[in-house]
Amino acid sequence: VSLIAAAATAMGAGTIDASSGVFDESIYLRL
């Protein structure tokens, strides 16, 4: 489970801040 979580975290480190917020995220942030 730790290996799987680490793989997910590593993928997230390279993708999460690579794009700007999408339309849905702007609505959800306001809500």
PDB file of all heavy atoms in Angstrom:
ATOM      1  N   VAL A   1       0.841  -1.207   0.000  1.00  0.00           N
ATOM      2  CA  VAL A   1       0.000   0.000   0.000  1.00  0.00           C
ATOM      3  C   VAL A   1       0.871   1.251   0.000  1.00  0.00           C
ATOM      4  O   VAL A   1       0.571   2.242  -0.689  1.00  0.00           O
ATOM      5  CB  VAL A   1      -0.950  -0.011   1.216  1.00  0.00           C
ATOM      6  CG1 VAL A   1      -1.623   1.345   1.383  1.00  0.00           C
ATOM      7  CG2 VAL A   1      -1.995  -1.105   1.053  1.00  0.00           C
ATOM      8  N   SER A   2       1.964   1.236   0.756  1.00  0.00           N
ATOM      9  CA  SER A   2       2.884   2.378   0.784  1.00  0.00           C
ATOM     10  C   SER A   2       3.510   2.615  -0.581  1.00  0.00           C
ATOM     11  O   SER A   2       3.658   3.765  -1.020  1.00  0.00           O
ATOM     12  CB  SER A   2       3.985   2.139   1.823  1.00  0.00           C
ATOM     13  OG  SER A   2       3.449   1.984   3.115  1.00  0.00           O
ATOM     14  N   LEU A   3       3.858   1.537  -1.278  1.00  0.00           N
ATOM     15  CA  LEU A   3       4.422   1.658  -2.617  1.00  0.00           C
ATOM     16  C   LEU A   3       3.413   2.269  -3.578  1.00  0.00           C
ATOM     17  O   LEU A   3       3.750   3.151  -4.380  1.00  0.00           O
ATOM     18  CB  LEU A   3       4.849   0.272  -3.120  1.00  0.00           C
ATOM     19  CG  LEU A   3       5.360   0.182  -4.566  1.00  0.00           C
ATOM     20  CD1 LEU A   3       6.634   1.006  -4.733  1.00  0.00           C
ATOM     21  CD2 LEU A   3       5.608  -1.265  -4.957  1.00  0.00           C
ATOM     22  N   ILE A   4       2.168   1.837  -3.481  1.00  0.00           N
ATOM     23  CA  ILE A   4       1.106   2.368  -4.353  1.00  0.00           C
ATOM     24  C   ILE A   4       0.867   3.847  -4.059  1.00  0.00           C
ATOM     25  O   ILE A   4       0.758   4.673  -4.976  1.00  0.00           O
ATOM     26  CB  ILE A   4      -0.180   1.555  -4.147  1.00  0.00           C
ATOM     27  CG1 ILE A   4       0.028   0.115  -4.633  1.00  0.00           C
ATOM     28  CG2 ILE A   4      -1.344   2.191  -4.872  1.00  0.00           C
ATOM     29  CD1 ILE A   4      -1.017  -0.853  -4.135  1.00  0.00           C
ATOM     30  N   ALA A   5       0.795   4.195  -2.766  1.00  0.00           N
ATOM     31  CA  ALA A   5       0.585   5.600  -2.397  1.00  0.00           C
ATOM     32  C   ALA A   5       1.751   6.463  -2.845  1.00  0.00           C
ATOM     33  O   ALA A   5       1.568   7.607  -3.292  1.00  0.00           O
ATOM     34  CB  ALA A   5       0.385   5.711  -0.879  1.00  0.00           C
ATOM     35  N   ALA A   6       2.981   5.937  -2.744  1.00  0.00           N
ATOM     36  CA  ALA A   6       4.161   6.681  -3.186  1.00  0.00           C
ATOM     37  C   ALA A   6       4.129   6.918  -4.688  1.00  0.00           C
ATOM     38  O   ALA A   6       4.493   7.999  -5.168  1.00  0.00           O
ATOM     39  CB  ALA A   6       5.428   5.928  -2.797  1.00  0.00           C
ATOM     40  N   ALA A   7       3.681   5.915  -5.445  1.00  0.00           N
ATOM     41  CA  ALA A   7       3.576   6.081  -6.894  1.00  0.00           C
ATOM     42  C   ALA A   7       2.560   7.159  -7.241  1.00  0.00           C
ATOM     43  O   ALA A   7       2.797   7.996  -8.126  1.00  0.00           O
ATOM     44  CB  ALA A   7       3.182   4.748  -7.542  1.00  0.00           C
ATOM     45  N   ALA A   8       1.437   7.162  -6.541  1.00  0.00           N
ATOM     46  CA  ALA A   8       0.418   8.176  -6.781  1.00  0.00           C
ATOM     47  C   ALA A   8       0.930   9.570  -6.425  1.00  0.00           C
ATOM     48  O   ALA A   8       0.690  10.544  -7.149  1.00  0.00           O
ATOM     49  CB  ALA A   8      -0.839   7.854  -5.978  1.00  0.00           C
ATOM     50  N   THR A   9       1.653   9.660  -5.309  1.00  0.00           N
ATOM     51  CA  THR A   9       2.202  10.957  -4.889  1.00  0.00           C
ATOM     52  C   THR A   9       3.239  11.460  -5.886  1.00  0.00           C
ATOM     53  O   THR A   9       3.282  12.657  -6.207  1.00  0.00           O
ATOM     54  CB  THR A   9       2.839  10.824  -3.495  1.00  0.00           C
ATOM     55  OG1 THR A   9       1.866  10.338  -2.575  1.00  0.00           O
ATOM     56  CG2 THR A   9       3.347  12.166  -3.011  1.00  0.00           C
ATOM     57  N   ALA A  10       4.068  10.556  -6.400  1.00  0.00           N
ATOM     58  CA  ALA A  10       5.085  10.936  -7.377  1.00  0.00           C
ATOM     59  C   ALA A  10       4.436  11.444  -8.666  1.00  0.00           C
ATOM     60  O   ALA A  10       4.885  12.431  -9.253  1.00  0.00           O
ATOM     61  CB  ALA A  10       5.993   9.746  -7.676  1.00  0.00           C
ATOM     62  N   MET A  11       3.380  10.760  -9.095  1.00  0.00           N
ATOM     63  CA  MET A  11       2.652  11.220 -10.280  1.00  0.00           C
ATOM     64  C   MET A  11       2.026  12.586 -10.022  1.00  0.00           C
ATOM     65  O   MET A  11       2.046  13.468 -10.881  1.00  0.00           O
ATOM     66  CB  MET A  11       1.574  10.208 -10.646  1.00  0.00           C
ATOM     67  CG  MET A  11       2.094   8.906 -11.222  1.00  0.00           C
ATOM     68  SD  MET A  11       2.714   9.101 -12.923  1.00  0.00           S
ATOM     69  CE  MET A  11       1.165   9.309 -13.811  1.00  0.00           C
ATOM     70  N   GLY A  12       1.493  12.764  -8.810  1.00  0.00           N
ATOM     71  CA  GLY A  12       0.867  14.036  -8.479  1.00  0.00           C
ATOM     72  C   GLY A  12       1.848  15.186  -8.465  1.00  0.00           C
ATOM     73  O   GLY A  12       1.534  16.297  -8.911  1.00  0.00           O
ATOM     74  N   ALA A  13       3.064  14.927  -7.991  1.00  0.00           N
ATOM     75  CA  ALA A  13       4.080  15.978  -7.929  1.00  0.00           C
ATOM     76  C   ALA A  13       4.405  16.530  -9.313  1.00  0.00           C
ATOM     77  O   ALA A  13       4.781  17.701  -9.449  1.00  0.00           O
ATOM     78  CB  ALA A  13       5.340  15.432  -7.272  1.00  0.00           C
ATOM     79  N   GLY A  14       4.246  15.711 -10.332  1.00  0.00           N
ATOM     80  CA  GLY A  14       4.578  16.170 -11.677  1.00  0.00           C
ATOM     81  C   GLY A  14       3.416  16.689 -12.474  1.00  0.00           C
ATOM     82  O   GLY A  14       3.608  17.244 -13.563  1.00  0.00           O
ATOM     83  N   THR A  15       2.183  16.519 -11.963  1.00  0.00           N
ATOM     84  CA  THR A  15       1.020  16.900 -12.766  1.00  0.00           C
ATOM     85  C   THR A  15       0.090  17.918 -12.110  1.00  0.00           C
ATOM     86  O   THR A  15      -0.579  18.682 -12.806  1.00  0.00           O
ATOM     87  CB  THR A  15       0.188  15.647 -13.111  1.00  0.00           C
ATOM     88  OG1 THR A  15      -0.225  15.005 -11.897  1.00  0.00           O
ATOM     89  CG2 THR A  15       0.979  14.670 -13.958  1.00  0.00           C
ATOM     90  N   ILE A  16       0.025  17.930 -10.793  1.00  0.00           N
ATOM     91  CA  ILE A  16      -0.986  18.739 -10.115  1.00  0.00           C
ATOM     92  C   ILE A  16      -0.832  20.230 -10.393  1.00  0.00           C
ATOM     93  O   ILE A  16      -1.811  20.943 -10.611  1.00  0.00           O
ATOM     94  CB  ILE A  16      -0.966  18.445  -8.602  1.00  0.00           C
ATOM     95  CG1 ILE A  16      -1.707  17.136  -8.345  1.00  0.00           C
ATOM     96  CG2 ILE A  16      -1.587  19.579  -7.793  1.00  0.00           C
ATOM     97  CD1 ILE A  16      -1.773  16.719  -6.902  1.00  0.00           C
ATOM     98  N   ASP A  17       0.403  20.716 -10.371  1.00  0.00           N
ATOM     99  CA  ASP A  17       0.600  22.151 -10.593  1.00  0.00           C
ATOM    100  C   ASP A  17       1.006  22.468 -12.029  1.00  0.00           C
ATOM    101  O   ASP A  17       1.479  23.566 -12.323  1.00  0.00           O
ATOM    102  CB  ASP A  17       1.639  22.703  -9.619  1.00  0.00           C
ATOM    103  CG  ASP A  17       2.988  22.003  -9.749  1.00  0.00           C
ATOM    104  OD1 ASP A  17       3.065  21.003 -10.498  1.00  0.00           O
ATOM    105  OD2 ASP A  17       3.942  22.451  -9.092  1.00  0.00           O
ATOM    106  N   ALA A  18       0.807  21.490 -12.917  1.00  0.00           N
ATOM    107  CA  ALA A  18       1.231  21.693 -14.309  1.00  0.00           C
ATOM    108  C   ALA A  18       0.164  22.356 -15.162  1.00  0.00           C
ATOM    109  O   ALA A  18       0.424  22.729 -16.304  1.00  0.00           O
ATOM    110  CB  ALA A  18       1.614  20.342 -14.937  1.00  0.00           C
ATOM    111  N   SER A  19      -1.042  22.516 -14.637  1.00  0.00           N
ATOM    112  CA  SER A  19      -2.110  23.148 -15.414  1.00  0.00           C
ATOM    113  C   SER A  19      -2.879  24.110 -14.532  1.00  0.00           C
ATOM    114  O   SER A  19      -2.907  23.972 -13.307  1.00  0.00           O
ATOM    115  CB  SER A  19      -3.063  22.081 -15.984  1.00  0.00           C
ATOM    116  OG  SER A  19      -3.685  21.370 -14.939  1.00  0.00           O
ATOM    117  N   SER A  20      -3.508  25.085 -15.166  1.00  0.00           N
ATOM    118  CA  SER A  20      -4.311  26.044 -14.419  1.00  0.00           C
ATOM    119  C   SER A  20      -5.650  25.418 -14.055  1.00  0.00           C
ATOM    120  O   SER A  20      -6.009  24.339 -14.543  1.00  0.00           O
ATOM    121  CB  SER A  20      -4.537  27.302 -15.261  1.00  0.00           C
ATOM    122  OG  SER A  20      -5.157  26.967 -16.491  1.00  0.00           O
ATOM    123  N   GLY A  21      -6.400  26.094 -13.207  1.00  0.00           N
ATOM    124  CA  GLY A  21      -7.689  25.576 -12.767  1.00  0.00           C
ATOM    125  C   GLY A  21      -8.681  25.457 -13.910  1.00  0.00           C
ATOM    126  O   GLY A  21      -8.740  26.315 -14.790  1.00  0.00           O
ATOM    127  N   VAL A  22      -9.448  24.382 -13.900  1.00  0.00           N
ATOM    128  CA  VAL A  22     -10.472  24.185 -14.918  1.00  0.00           C
ATOM    129  C   VAL A  22     -11.759  24.859 -14.458  1.00  0.00           C
ATOM    130  O   VAL A  22     -11.884  25.305 -13.317  1.00  0.00           O
ATOM    131  CB  VAL A  22     -10.701  22.686 -15.193  1.00  0.00           C
ATOM    132  CG1 VAL A  22      -9.411  22.037 -15.682  1.00  0.00           C
ATOM    133  CG2 VAL A  22     -11.218  21.970 -13.945  1.00  0.00           C
ATOM    134  N   PHE A  23     -12.728  24.913 -15.350  1.00  0.00           N
ATOM    135  CA  PHE A  23     -13.977  25.628 -15.068  1.00  0.00           C
ATOM    136  C   PHE A  23     -14.662  25.095 -13.806  1.00  0.00           C
ATOM    137  O   PHE A  23     -15.093  25.872 -12.949  1.00  0.00           O
ATOM    138  CB  PHE A  23     -14.916  25.504 -16.279  1.00  0.00           C
ATOM    139  CG  PHE A  23     -16.246  26.172 -16.087  1.00  0.00           C
ATOM    140  CD1 PHE A  23     -16.364  27.556 -16.132  1.00  0.00           C
ATOM    141  CD2 PHE A  23     -17.387  25.413 -15.841  1.00  0.00           C
ATOM    142  CE1 PHE A  23     -17.597  28.165 -15.944  1.00  0.00           C
ATOM    143  CE2 PHE A  23     -18.619  26.017 -15.664  1.00  0.00           C
ATOM    144  CZ  PHE A  23     -18.729  27.399 -15.711  1.00  0.00           C
ATOM    145  N   ASP A  24     -14.757  23.766 -13.693  1.00  0.00           N
ATOM    146  CA  ASP A  24     -15.432  23.170 -12.533  1.00  0.00           C
ATOM    147  C   ASP A  24     -14.734  23.546 -11.231  1.00  0.00           C
ATOM    148  O   ASP A  24     -15.395  23.807 -10.216  1.00  0.00           O
ATOM    149  CB  ASP A  24     -15.469  21.649 -12.662  1.00  0.00           C
ATOM    150  CG  ASP A  24     -16.468  21.186 -13.710  1.00  0.00           C
ATOM    151  OD1 ASP A  24     -17.190  22.044 -14.261  1.00  0.00           O
ATOM    152  OD2 ASP A  24     -16.519  19.973 -13.987  1.00  0.00           O
ATOM    153  N   GLU A  25     -13.409  23.557 -11.248  1.00  0.00           N
ATOM    154  CA  GLU A  25     -12.667  23.865 -10.027  1.00  0.00           C
ATOM    155  C   GLU A  25     -12.931  25.297  -9.559  1.00  0.00           C
ATOM    156  O   GLU A  25     -12.979  25.558  -8.353  1.00  0.00           O
ATOM    157  CB  GLU A  25     -11.174  23.650 -10.253  1.00  0.00           C
ATOM    158  CG  GLU A  25     -10.785  22.183 -10.394  1.00  0.00           C
ATOM    159  CD  GLU A  25      -9.327  21.986 -10.700  1.00  0.00           C
ATOM    160  OE1 GLU A  25      -8.800  22.721 -11.575  1.00  0.00           O
ATOM    161  OE2 GLU A  25      -8.693  21.109 -10.086  1.00  0.00           O
ATOM    162  N   SER A  26     -13.113  26.209 -10.502  1.00  0.00           N
ATOM    163  CA  SER A  26     -13.419  27.598 -10.120  1.00  0.00           C
ATOM    164  C   SER A  26     -14.759  27.672  -9.392  1.00  0.00           C
ATOM    165  O   SER A  26     -14.902  28.378  -8.385  1.00  0.00           O
ATOM    166  CB  SER A  26     -13.447  28.485 -11.367  1.00  0.00           C
ATOM    167  OG  SER A  26     -12.198  28.475 -12.020  1.00  0.00           O
ATOM    168  N   ILE A  27     -15.737  26.913  -9.891  1.00  0.00           N
ATOM    169  CA  ILE A  27     -17.051  26.882  -9.239  1.00  0.00           C
ATOM    170  C   ILE A  27     -16.944  26.234  -7.863  1.00  0.00           C
ATOM    171  O   ILE A  27     -17.488  26.738  -6.872  1.00  0.00           O
ATOM    172  CB  ILE A  27     -18.066  26.118 -10.109  1.00  0.00           C
ATOM    173  CG1 ILE A  27     -18.319  26.878 -11.418  1.00  0.00           C
ATOM    174  CG2 ILE A  27     -19.379  25.894  -9.360  1.00  0.00           C
ATOM    175  CD1 ILE A  27     -19.218  26.154 -12.391  1.00  0.00           C
ATOM    176  N   TYR A  28     -16.222  25.127  -7.786  1.00  0.00           N
ATOM    177  CA  TYR A  28     -16.106  24.415  -6.511  1.00  0.00           C
ATOM    178  C   TYR A  28     -15.378  25.248  -5.469  1.00  0.00           C
ATOM    179  O   TYR A  28     -15.717  25.207  -4.281  1.00  0.00           O
ATOM    180  CB  TYR A  28     -15.374  23.084  -6.706  1.00  0.00           C
ATOM    181  CG  TYR A  28     -16.072  22.118  -7.633  1.00  0.00           C
ATOM    182  CD1 TYR A  28     -15.366  21.107  -8.285  1.00  0.00           C
ATOM    183  CD2 TYR A  28     -17.443  22.212  -7.876  1.00  0.00           C
ATOM    184  CE1 TYR A  28     -15.998  20.215  -9.142  1.00  0.00           C
ATOM    185  CE2 TYR A  28     -18.081  21.331  -8.731  1.00  0.00           C
ATOM    186  CZ  TYR A  28     -17.354  20.330  -9.365  1.00  0.00           C
ATOM    187  OH  TYR A  28     -17.984  19.455 -10.206  1.00  0.00           O
ATOM    188  N   LEU A  29     -14.370  26.004  -5.895  1.00  0.00           N
ATOM    189  CA  LEU A  29     -13.649  26.865  -4.960  1.00  0.00           C
ATOM    190  C   LEU A  29     -14.583  27.925  -4.390  1.00  0.00           C
ATOM    191  O   LEU A  29     -14.576  28.194  -3.183  1.00  0.00           O
ATOM    192  CB  LEU A  29     -12.450  27.521  -5.643  1.00  0.00           C
ATOM    193  CG  LEU A  29     -11.639  28.497  -4.795  1.00  0.00           C
ATOM    194  CD1 LEU A  29     -11.076  27.813  -3.551  1.00  0.00           C
ATOM    195  CD2 LEU A  29     -10.502  29.112  -5.624  1.00  0.00           C
ATOM    196  N   ARG A  30     -15.398  28.509  -5.244  1.00  0.00           N
ATOM    197  CA  ARG A  30     -16.367  29.515  -4.779  1.00  0.00           C
ATOM    198  C   ARG A  30     -17.368  28.901  -3.815  1.00  0.00           C
ATOM    199  O   ARG A  30     -17.674  29.473  -2.764  1.00  0.00           O
ATOM    200  CB  ARG A  30     -17.096  30.130  -5.970  1.00  0.00           C
ATOM    201  CG  ARG A  30     -18.144  31.170  -5.560  1.00  0.00           C
ATOM    202  CD  ARG A  30     -18.759  31.849  -6.764  1.00  0.00           C
ATOM    203  NE  ARG A  30     -19.481  30.924  -7.609  1.00  0.00           N
ATOM    204  CZ  ARG A  30     -20.727  30.504  -7.357  1.00  0.00           C
ATOM    205  NH1 ARG A  30     -21.376  30.934  -6.275  1.00  0.00           N
ATOM    206  NH2 ARG A  30     -21.340  29.698  -8.194  1.00  0.00           N
ATOM    207  N   LEU A  31     -17.866  27.705  -4.147  1.00  0.00           N
ATOM    208  CA  LEU A  31     -18.825  27.036  -3.271  1.00  0.00           C
ATOM    209  C   LEU A  31     -18.175  26.650  -1.933  1.00  0.00           C
ATOM    210  O   LEU A  31     -18.799  26.758  -0.876  1.00  0.00           O
ATOM    211  CB  LEU A  31     -19.378  25.788  -3.959  1.00  0.00           C
ATOM    212  CG  LEU A  31     -20.289  26.015  -5.166  1.00  0.00           C
ATOM    213  CD1 LEU A  31     -20.658  24.687  -5.816  1.00  0.00           C
ATOM    214  CD2 LEU A  31     -21.544  26.775  -4.755  1.00  0.00           C
TER     215      LEU A  31
END
